[in-house]
Structures are given as C-alpha cells and as structure tokens.
C-alpha cells in the first residue's frame, strides 16, 4: 500500500519539513550525478584527444595521412556505442 497522502488541511510542519528534506537530498544527489557525468565527459574528451595525437604521430612516422594508430583505433572501438542486436 502507498503511504498516507496529505492534503493542505492536514499537513503538519514536521511532515512539510520531511518533504523538503527529502527533496533537498534528491536535488543534491542529482547535482552529484551531474558533476560525475561532467567529469566523465571531460575524461573521454581527453582520451579521444590523445587518440588523435597518436594518429597524427603514426601518420608522420609511416608518411601516410590516412594511417590510424592501432591503440587509438582499439580505444575508439571500446568507447563506441554498442550496436543493437535485438530482432524486434
């Protein structure tokens, strides 16, 4: 069963305080998740930038502007979104 629902006529100060406390905890949790997501995006950006650097180095070494560094390619494959395999 669900918890008792309050109406404007019967909500108490304690119940309202509990509601605001719960809401604040949810907002703070959302803020933490957002911060983690931003840090993760920055890390992925640094990693893909490093992959680009590896490719540039490989192109200079082998004198071929289309060359891709094998480590960079492997990293990109691991970062790629998985392909859908369901047969809907």
N, C-alpha and C. Protein backbone atom coordinates (compact mmCIF):
# COMPACT_ATOMS: atom_id res chain seq x y z
N UNK A 1 0.84 -1.19 0.00
CA UNK A 1 0.00 0.00 0.00
C UNK A 1 0.88 1.25 0.00
N UNK A 2 0.31 2.29 -0.55
CA UNK A 2 1.06 3.54 -0.56
C UNK A 2 0.92 4.25 0.78
N UNK A 3 1.86 5.15 1.01
CA UNK A 3 1.82 5.91 2.26
C UNK A 3 0.63 6.87 2.21
N UNK A 4 0.26 7.32 3.40
CA UNK A 4 -0.84 8.26 3.52
C UNK A 4 -0.51 9.53 2.77
N UNK A 5 -1.44 10.04 2.01
CA UNK A 5 -1.26 11.29 1.28
C UNK A 5 -1.83 12.43 2.12
N UNK A 6 -1.11 13.51 2.18
CA UNK A 6 -1.53 14.67 2.93
C UNK A 6 -2.30 15.63 2.04
N UNK A 7 -3.22 16.34 2.66
CA UNK A 7 -3.90 17.43 1.97
C UNK A 7 -3.44 18.73 2.60
N UNK A 8 -3.78 19.83 1.98
CA UNK A 8 -3.37 21.13 2.52
C UNK A 8 -3.96 21.37 3.91
N UNK A 9 -5.08 20.74 4.21
CA UNK A 9 -5.72 20.95 5.51
C UNK A 9 -5.06 20.18 6.64
N UNK A 10 -4.40 19.06 6.32
CA UNK A 10 -3.91 18.26 7.44
C UNK A 10 -2.39 18.06 7.47
N UNK A 11 -1.63 18.73 6.60
CA UNK A 11 -0.18 18.57 6.63
C UNK A 11 0.38 19.31 7.84
N UNK A 12 1.33 18.68 8.49
CA UNK A 12 1.93 19.29 9.68
C UNK A 12 3.28 19.91 9.31
N UNK A 13 3.80 20.72 10.21
CA UNK A 13 5.12 21.31 9.99
C UNK A 13 6.18 20.21 9.87
N UNK A 14 6.07 19.18 10.70
CA UNK A 14 7.03 18.08 10.65
C UNK A 14 6.97 17.35 9.31
N UNK A 15 5.77 17.10 8.82
CA UNK A 15 5.62 16.43 7.53
C UNK A 15 6.16 17.30 6.41
N UNK A 16 5.95 18.59 6.48
CA UNK A 16 6.46 19.50 5.47
C UNK A 16 7.98 19.57 5.52
N UNK A 17 8.54 19.60 6.73
CA UNK A 17 10.00 19.57 6.87
C UNK A 17 10.58 18.30 6.27
N UNK A 18 9.92 17.17 6.51
CA UNK A 18 10.38 15.90 5.96
C UNK A 18 10.33 15.92 4.43
N UNK A 19 9.28 16.49 3.89
CA UNK A 19 9.15 16.61 2.44
C UNK A 19 10.29 17.44 1.85
N UNK A 20 10.58 18.59 2.46
CA UNK A 20 11.65 19.44 1.96
C UNK A 20 13.02 18.78 2.13
N UNK A 21 13.22 18.09 3.22
CA UNK A 21 14.48 17.37 3.43
C UNK A 21 14.68 16.32 2.34
N UNK A 22 13.63 15.57 2.06
CA UNK A 22 13.70 14.56 1.02
C UNK A 22 13.97 15.19 -0.34
N UNK A 23 13.31 16.28 -0.64
CA UNK A 23 13.52 16.97 -1.92
C UNK A 23 14.95 17.48 -2.03
N UNK A 24 15.46 18.07 -0.95
CA UNK A 24 16.84 18.57 -0.97
C UNK A 24 17.84 17.45 -1.19
N UNK A 25 17.62 16.31 -0.56
CA UNK A 25 18.52 15.17 -0.77
C UNK A 25 18.48 14.73 -2.23
N UNK A 26 17.31 14.72 -2.82
CA UNK A 26 17.19 14.36 -4.24
C UNK A 26 17.91 15.36 -5.13
N UNK A 27 17.77 16.63 -4.84
CA UNK A 27 18.45 17.65 -5.64
C UNK A 27 19.96 17.52 -5.52
N UNK A 28 20.45 17.31 -4.29
CA UNK A 28 21.89 17.16 -4.07
C UNK A 28 22.41 15.92 -4.80
N UNK A 29 21.64 14.83 -4.76
CA UNK A 29 22.04 13.61 -5.45
C UNK A 29 22.12 13.89 -6.96
N UNK A 30 21.15 14.60 -7.48
CA UNK A 30 21.18 14.98 -8.89
C UNK A 30 22.39 15.83 -9.23
N UNK A 31 22.74 16.75 -8.32
CA UNK A 31 23.93 17.59 -8.53
C UNK A 31 25.19 16.73 -8.56
N UNK A 32 25.28 15.74 -7.67
CA UNK A 32 26.45 14.85 -7.65
C UNK A 32 26.53 14.04 -8.94
N UNK A 33 25.39 13.52 -9.40
CA UNK A 33 25.37 12.75 -10.65
C UNK A 33 25.79 13.62 -11.82
N UNK A 34 25.31 14.85 -11.84
CA UNK A 34 25.67 15.76 -12.92
C UNK A 34 27.17 16.03 -12.91
N UNK A 35 27.74 16.25 -11.74
CA UNK A 35 29.18 16.51 -11.63
C UNK A 35 29.99 15.30 -12.10
N UNK A 36 29.54 14.11 -11.70
CA UNK A 36 30.23 12.89 -12.17
C UNK A 36 30.15 12.75 -13.68
N UNK A 37 29.00 13.05 -14.24
CA UNK A 37 28.82 12.97 -15.69
C UNK A 37 29.72 13.96 -16.41
N UNK A 38 29.83 15.17 -15.89
CA UNK A 38 30.69 16.17 -16.50
C UNK A 38 32.16 15.76 -16.43
N UNK A 39 32.58 15.18 -15.29
CA UNK A 39 33.96 14.71 -15.18
C UNK A 39 34.21 13.55 -16.15
N UNK A 40 33.23 12.66 -16.29
CA UNK A 40 33.38 11.52 -17.21
C UNK A 40 33.48 12.02 -18.66
N UNK A 41 32.64 12.98 -19.03
CA UNK A 41 32.70 13.53 -20.38
C UNK A 41 34.06 14.18 -20.64
N UNK A 42 34.59 14.89 -19.65
CA UNK A 42 35.90 15.53 -19.81
C UNK A 42 36.99 14.48 -19.97
N UNK A 43 36.91 13.39 -19.22
CA UNK A 43 37.90 12.32 -19.33
C UNK A 43 37.85 11.67 -20.71
N UNK A 44 36.64 11.42 -21.21
CA UNK A 44 36.50 10.82 -22.55
C UNK A 44 37.05 11.79 -23.60
N UNK A 45 36.82 13.05 -23.43
CA UNK A 45 37.34 14.05 -24.37
C UNK A 45 38.87 14.05 -24.36
N UNK A 46 39.47 13.98 -23.17
CA UNK A 46 40.93 13.93 -23.10
C UNK A 46 41.46 12.65 -23.76
N UNK A 47 40.77 11.55 -23.53
CA UNK A 47 41.20 10.27 -24.11
C UNK A 47 41.10 10.28 -25.63
N UNK A 48 40.02 10.80 -26.17
CA UNK A 48 39.89 10.85 -27.64
C UNK A 48 40.88 11.85 -28.24
N UNK A 49 41.21 12.90 -27.50
CA UNK A 49 42.25 13.84 -27.96
C UNK A 49 43.60 13.15 -28.03
N UNK A 50 43.88 12.30 -27.05
CA UNK A 50 45.12 11.53 -27.05
C UNK A 50 45.14 10.57 -28.24
N UNK A 51 43.99 9.97 -28.55
CA UNK A 51 43.89 9.09 -29.72
C UNK A 51 44.21 9.86 -31.00
N UNK A 52 43.71 11.08 -31.10
CA UNK A 52 44.01 11.91 -32.26
C UNK A 52 45.51 12.19 -32.36
N UNK A 53 46.14 12.46 -31.21
CA UNK A 53 47.58 12.69 -31.18
C UNK A 53 48.34 11.45 -31.66
N UNK A 54 47.90 10.27 -31.21
CA UNK A 54 48.54 9.03 -31.64
C UNK A 54 48.42 8.86 -33.16
N UNK A 55 47.24 9.18 -33.70
CA UNK A 55 47.05 9.08 -35.15
C UNK A 55 47.99 10.03 -35.89
N UNK A 56 48.10 11.25 -35.40
CA UNK A 56 48.99 12.22 -36.04
C UNK A 56 50.43 11.73 -36.02
N UNK A 57 50.86 11.18 -34.90
CA UNK A 57 52.21 10.65 -34.79
C UNK A 57 52.41 9.50 -35.79
N UNK A 58 51.44 8.61 -35.85
CA UNK A 58 51.52 7.46 -36.76
C UNK A 58 51.62 7.93 -38.21
N UNK A 59 50.87 8.95 -38.57
CA UNK A 59 50.88 9.46 -39.94
C UNK A 59 52.23 10.04 -40.31
N UNK A 60 52.89 10.67 -39.35
CA UNK A 60 54.23 11.23 -39.60
C UNK A 60 55.24 10.09 -39.74
N UNK A 61 55.16 9.11 -38.86
CA UNK A 61 56.13 8.02 -38.86
C UNK A 61 56.06 7.19 -40.15
N UNK A 62 54.84 6.84 -40.56
CA UNK A 62 54.70 5.99 -41.75
C UNK A 62 54.50 6.80 -43.03
N UNK A 63 54.45 8.11 -42.91
CA UNK A 63 54.30 9.02 -44.06
C UNK A 63 53.05 8.69 -44.88
N UNK A 64 51.95 8.52 -44.16
CA UNK A 64 50.66 8.22 -44.79
C UNK A 64 49.58 8.96 -43.99
N UNK A 65 48.94 9.94 -44.64
CA UNK A 65 47.97 10.78 -43.93
C UNK A 65 46.67 10.06 -43.57
N UNK A 66 46.50 8.82 -44.03
CA UNK A 66 45.28 8.08 -43.70
C UNK A 66 45.52 7.02 -42.62
N UNK A 67 46.75 6.90 -42.15
CA UNK A 67 47.07 5.88 -41.14
C UNK A 67 46.39 6.19 -39.81
N UNK A 68 46.01 5.12 -39.15
CA UNK A 68 45.43 5.22 -37.81
C UNK A 68 46.27 4.37 -36.87
N UNK A 69 46.54 4.90 -35.70
CA UNK A 69 47.31 4.15 -34.72
C UNK A 69 46.46 3.01 -34.18
N UNK A 70 47.01 1.80 -34.09
CA UNK A 70 46.20 0.66 -33.64
C UNK A 70 45.65 0.81 -32.22
N UNK A 71 46.40 1.42 -31.34
CA UNK A 71 45.89 1.62 -29.98
C UNK A 71 44.74 2.61 -30.00
N UNK A 72 44.88 3.68 -30.77
CA UNK A 72 43.80 4.67 -30.86
C UNK A 72 42.54 4.04 -31.42
N UNK A 73 42.69 3.20 -32.43
CA UNK A 73 41.52 2.54 -33.02
C UNK A 73 40.86 1.60 -32.01
N UNK A 74 41.66 0.88 -31.24
CA UNK A 74 41.11 -0.03 -30.23
C UNK A 74 40.35 0.75 -29.16
N UNK A 75 40.93 1.86 -28.73
CA UNK A 75 40.26 2.70 -27.72
C UNK A 75 38.93 3.20 -28.27
N UNK A 76 38.93 3.67 -29.50
CA UNK A 76 37.69 4.17 -30.10
C UNK A 76 36.63 3.08 -30.21
N UNK A 77 37.05 1.87 -30.54
CA UNK A 77 36.11 0.75 -30.61
C UNK A 77 35.48 0.47 -29.25
N UNK A 78 36.29 0.56 -28.21
CA UNK A 78 35.77 0.31 -26.86
C UNK A 78 34.86 1.44 -26.37
N UNK A 79 35.08 2.63 -26.87
CA UNK A 79 34.25 3.77 -26.47
C UNK A 79 32.95 3.85 -27.26
N UNK A 80 32.91 3.19 -28.40
CA UNK A 80 31.74 3.29 -29.28
C UNK A 80 30.50 2.71 -28.61
N UNK A 81 29.37 3.25 -28.98
CA UNK A 81 28.09 2.72 -28.50
C UNK A 81 27.93 1.29 -29.01
N UNK A 82 27.45 0.39 -28.15
CA UNK A 82 27.22 -0.97 -28.65
C UNK A 82 26.12 -0.99 -29.70
N UNK A 83 26.28 -1.87 -30.67
CA UNK A 83 25.26 -1.97 -31.71
C UNK A 83 24.07 -2.73 -31.18
N UNK A 84 22.90 -2.37 -31.67
CA UNK A 84 21.66 -3.05 -31.30
C UNK A 84 21.68 -4.45 -31.92
N UNK A 85 21.41 -5.47 -31.12
CA UNK A 85 21.43 -6.83 -31.63
C UNK A 85 20.06 -7.52 -31.52
N UNK A 86 19.07 -6.83 -31.05
CA UNK A 86 17.76 -7.46 -30.91
C UNK A 86 17.09 -7.58 -32.28
N UNK A 87 16.13 -8.47 -32.35
CA UNK A 87 15.43 -8.71 -33.63
C UNK A 87 14.00 -8.23 -33.57
N UNK A 88 13.72 -7.21 -32.85
CA UNK A 88 12.37 -6.66 -32.64
C UNK A 88 11.41 -7.03 -33.71
